[in-house]
N, C-alpha and C. Protein backbone atom coordinates (compact mmCIF):
# COMPACT_ATOMS: atom_id res chain seq x y z
N UNK A 1 78.67 83.80 72.31
CA UNK A 1 79.50 83.59 71.53
C UNK A 1 80.99 82.27 71.95
N UNK A 2 80.96 81.97 71.12
CA UNK A 2 82.04 80.45 71.59
C UNK A 2 83.38 81.21 71.67
N UNK A 3 84.12 80.79 72.53
CA UNK A 3 85.46 81.11 72.28
C UNK A 3 85.61 82.74 72.37
N UNK A 4 84.79 83.71 73.30
CA UNK A 4 85.05 85.16 73.25
C UNK A 4 85.41 85.49 74.36
N UNK A 5 85.71 86.40 75.09
CA UNK A 5 86.70 86.80 76.08
C UNK A 5 85.64 86.16 77.35
N UNK A 6 86.41 85.82 78.42
CA UNK A 6 85.82 84.60 79.28
C UNK A 6 85.35 85.70 80.36
N UNK A 7 86.59 86.69 80.50
CA UNK A 7 86.18 87.29 82.12
C UNK A 7 85.83 88.72 81.66
N UNK A 8 84.68 88.53 80.55
CA UNK A 8 83.96 90.12 80.28
C UNK A 8 83.20 90.91 81.03
N UNK A 9 82.68 90.19 82.14
CA UNK A 9 81.93 90.99 83.03
C UNK A 9 82.27 91.00 83.98
N UNK A 10 83.71 90.78 84.85
CA UNK A 10 84.68 90.39 85.92
C UNK A 10 84.01 91.94 86.93
N UNK A 11 84.35 92.84 85.95
CA UNK A 11 84.14 94.35 87.16
C UNK A 11 82.70 94.79 87.18
N UNK A 12 81.75 94.30 86.87
CA UNK A 12 80.66 94.69 87.07
C UNK A 12 80.37 95.45 88.61
N UNK A 13 79.50 96.57 89.07
CA UNK A 13 79.58 96.94 90.03
C UNK A 13 78.81 96.31 91.09
N UNK A 14 78.24 95.43 91.03
CA UNK A 14 77.85 94.35 92.10
C UNK A 14 78.85 93.40 92.06
N UNK A 15 79.74 92.91 91.44
CA UNK A 15 80.97 92.15 91.86
C UNK A 15 81.96 92.99 92.33
N UNK A 16 81.75 94.29 92.19
CA UNK A 16 82.69 94.98 93.00
C UNK A 16 82.38 95.27 94.43
N UNK A 17 81.44 95.31 94.65
CA UNK A 17 80.55 95.23 95.98
C UNK A 17 80.53 93.99 96.79
N UNK A 18 80.70 92.91 96.27
CA UNK A 18 80.84 91.31 96.80
C UNK A 18 82.64 91.47 96.98
N UNK A 19 83.14 91.96 96.43
CA UNK A 19 84.65 91.96 96.46
C UNK A 19 85.45 92.83 97.95
N UNK A 20 84.46 93.99 97.51
CA UNK A 20 84.77 94.98 99.13
C UNK A 20 84.06 94.24 100.57
N UNK A 21 83.02 93.72 100.44
CA UNK A 21 82.35 93.14 101.46
C UNK A 21 83.46 91.84 101.96
N UNK A 22 83.85 91.05 100.92
CA UNK A 22 84.86 89.81 101.77
C UNK A 22 85.47 90.38 101.96
N UNK A 23 86.36 91.56 101.37
CA UNK A 23 87.97 92.31 102.00
C UNK A 23 87.44 93.02 103.82
N UNK A 24 86.11 93.42 103.78
CA UNK A 24 85.84 94.11 104.91
C UNK A 24 86.02 93.06 106.05
N UNK A 25 85.19 91.86 105.32
CA UNK A 25 85.30 90.57 106.55
C UNK A 25 86.57 90.07 106.91
N UNK A 26 87.27 89.78 105.70
CA UNK A 26 88.74 89.32 106.33
C UNK A 26 89.70 89.96 106.81
N UNK A 27 89.46 91.24 106.74
CA UNK A 27 90.34 92.23 107.38
C UNK A 27 89.63 93.20 108.65
N UNK A 28 88.77 93.22 108.31
CA UNK A 28 88.23 94.10 109.32
C UNK A 28 88.12 95.40 109.03
N UNK A 29 87.42 96.15 109.91
CA UNK A 29 87.03 98.17 109.25
C UNK A 29 88.53 98.76 109.65
N UNK A 30 89.37 98.01 110.95
CA UNK A 30 90.31 98.67 111.17
C UNK A 30 91.79 98.40 110.54
N UNK A 31 91.64 97.63 109.88
CA UNK A 31 92.91 97.44 109.17
C UNK A 31 92.82 97.77 107.81
N UNK A 32 91.47 98.01 106.94
CA UNK A 32 91.47 98.68 105.86
C UNK A 32 92.28 100.04 105.59
N UNK A 33 92.22 101.15 106.06
CA UNK A 33 93.26 102.16 106.19
C UNK A 33 94.67 101.81 105.90
N UNK A 34 95.16 101.14 106.42
CA UNK A 34 96.45 100.68 106.56
C UNK A 34 97.04 99.76 105.54
N UNK A 35 95.74 99.20 104.50
CA UNK A 35 96.30 98.64 103.39
C UNK A 35 95.68 99.12 102.68
N UNK A 36 94.82 100.17 102.33
CA UNK A 36 94.96 101.39 101.09
C UNK A 36 95.88 102.41 101.31
N UNK A 37 96.62 102.67 102.49
CA UNK A 37 97.55 103.51 102.57
C UNK A 37 98.94 102.51 101.80
N UNK A 38 99.15 101.17 102.28
CA UNK A 38 100.05 100.55 101.57
C UNK A 38 99.84 100.24 100.25
N UNK A 39 98.97 100.17 99.72
CA UNK A 39 98.54 99.89 98.09
C UNK A 39 98.65 101.42 97.59
N UNK A 40 98.53 102.59 98.18
CA UNK A 40 98.69 103.44 97.62
C UNK A 40 99.88 103.75 97.19
N UNK A 41 100.62 103.63 98.45
CA UNK A 41 102.09 103.94 98.43
C UNK A 41 102.91 102.71 97.45
N UNK A 42 102.81 101.86 97.39
CA UNK A 42 103.03 100.48 96.27
C UNK A 42 102.96 101.00 95.09
N UNK A 43 101.57 101.53 94.43
CA UNK A 43 101.09 102.04 93.32
C UNK A 43 102.28 103.64 92.93
N UNK A 44 102.57 104.10 93.94
CA UNK A 44 103.27 105.51 93.85
C UNK A 44 104.28 105.03 93.50
N UNK A 45 105.18 104.88 94.08
CA UNK A 45 106.56 103.75 94.06
C UNK A 45 106.63 103.26 92.74
N UNK A 46 105.68 102.47 91.91
CA UNK A 46 105.76 101.78 90.80
C UNK A 46 105.64 103.01 89.77
N UNK A 47 104.96 104.07 89.94
CA UNK A 47 104.45 104.87 88.63
C UNK A 47 105.92 105.98 88.61
N UNK A 48 106.73 106.15 89.91
CA UNK A 48 107.86 106.79 90.39
C UNK A 48 108.84 105.77 89.56
N UNK A 49 109.31 105.33 89.54
CA UNK A 49 110.19 104.16 89.09
C UNK A 49 109.73 103.88 87.44
N UNK A 50 108.65 103.83 86.88
CA UNK A 50 108.35 103.81 85.79
C UNK A 50 108.87 104.98 85.08
N UNK A 51 108.34 106.40 85.52
CA UNK A 51 108.85 107.71 85.21
C UNK A 51 110.43 107.81 85.54
N UNK A 52 111.33 107.17 86.44
CA UNK A 52 112.17 107.14 86.59
C UNK A 52 113.34 106.36 85.49
N UNK A 53 112.92 104.99 85.11
CA UNK A 53 113.09 104.57 84.06
C UNK A 53 113.32 105.32 82.63
N UNK A 54 112.05 105.65 82.41
CA UNK A 54 111.97 106.54 80.67
C UNK A 54 112.95 107.71 81.04
N UNK A 55 113.02 108.51 82.02
CA UNK A 55 113.65 109.64 82.27
C UNK A 55 115.17 109.19 82.04
N UNK A 56 115.63 107.99 82.94
CA UNK A 56 117.04 107.63 82.78
C UNK A 56 117.63 107.22 81.40
N UNK A 57 116.67 106.84 80.42
CA UNK A 57 116.83 106.19 79.08
C UNK A 57 116.84 107.25 78.24
N UNK A 58 115.86 108.44 78.49
CA UNK A 58 116.42 109.58 77.74
C UNK A 58 117.51 110.20 77.82
N UNK A 59 117.31 110.39 79.05
CA UNK A 59 118.99 110.83 79.44
C UNK A 59 120.32 110.08 78.71
N UNK A 60 120.41 109.13 78.58
CA UNK A 60 121.13 108.62 78.59
C UNK A 60 121.49 108.61 76.73
N UNK A 61 120.07 108.44 76.05
CA UNK A 61 120.03 108.69 74.24
C UNK A 61 120.63 110.38 74.56
N UNK A 62 120.36 111.32 74.60
CA UNK A 62 121.02 112.70 74.74
C UNK A 62 122.34 112.81 75.33
N UNK A 63 122.85 111.96 76.08
CA UNK A 63 124.38 112.14 76.49
C UNK A 63 125.42 110.95 75.08
N UNK A 64 124.24 109.95 74.54
CA UNK A 64 124.79 109.33 73.53
C UNK A 64 125.28 110.36 72.32
N UNK A 65 124.10 110.98 72.20
CA UNK A 65 124.24 111.49 70.95
C UNK A 65 125.28 112.81 70.93
N UNK A 66 125.48 113.57 72.10
CA UNK A 66 126.48 114.46 72.31
C UNK A 66 127.56 114.18 72.02
N UNK A 67 128.04 112.62 72.54
CA UNK A 67 129.37 111.84 71.95
C UNK A 67 129.61 111.81 70.57
């Protein structure tokens, strides 16, 4: 299909295995737990920031309605 989505098959299982293998070779098995922990912490903080932003905006709207 011309003009189609170029990255259509990017995250197939075979590709993910190759990506994980390359990461393992680059960082080694000892560094992977630290990378996973850092990635998880970053994602958790990002989600908390999004929730905090949403909660903060709704609290502002409630305060504005009260005034």
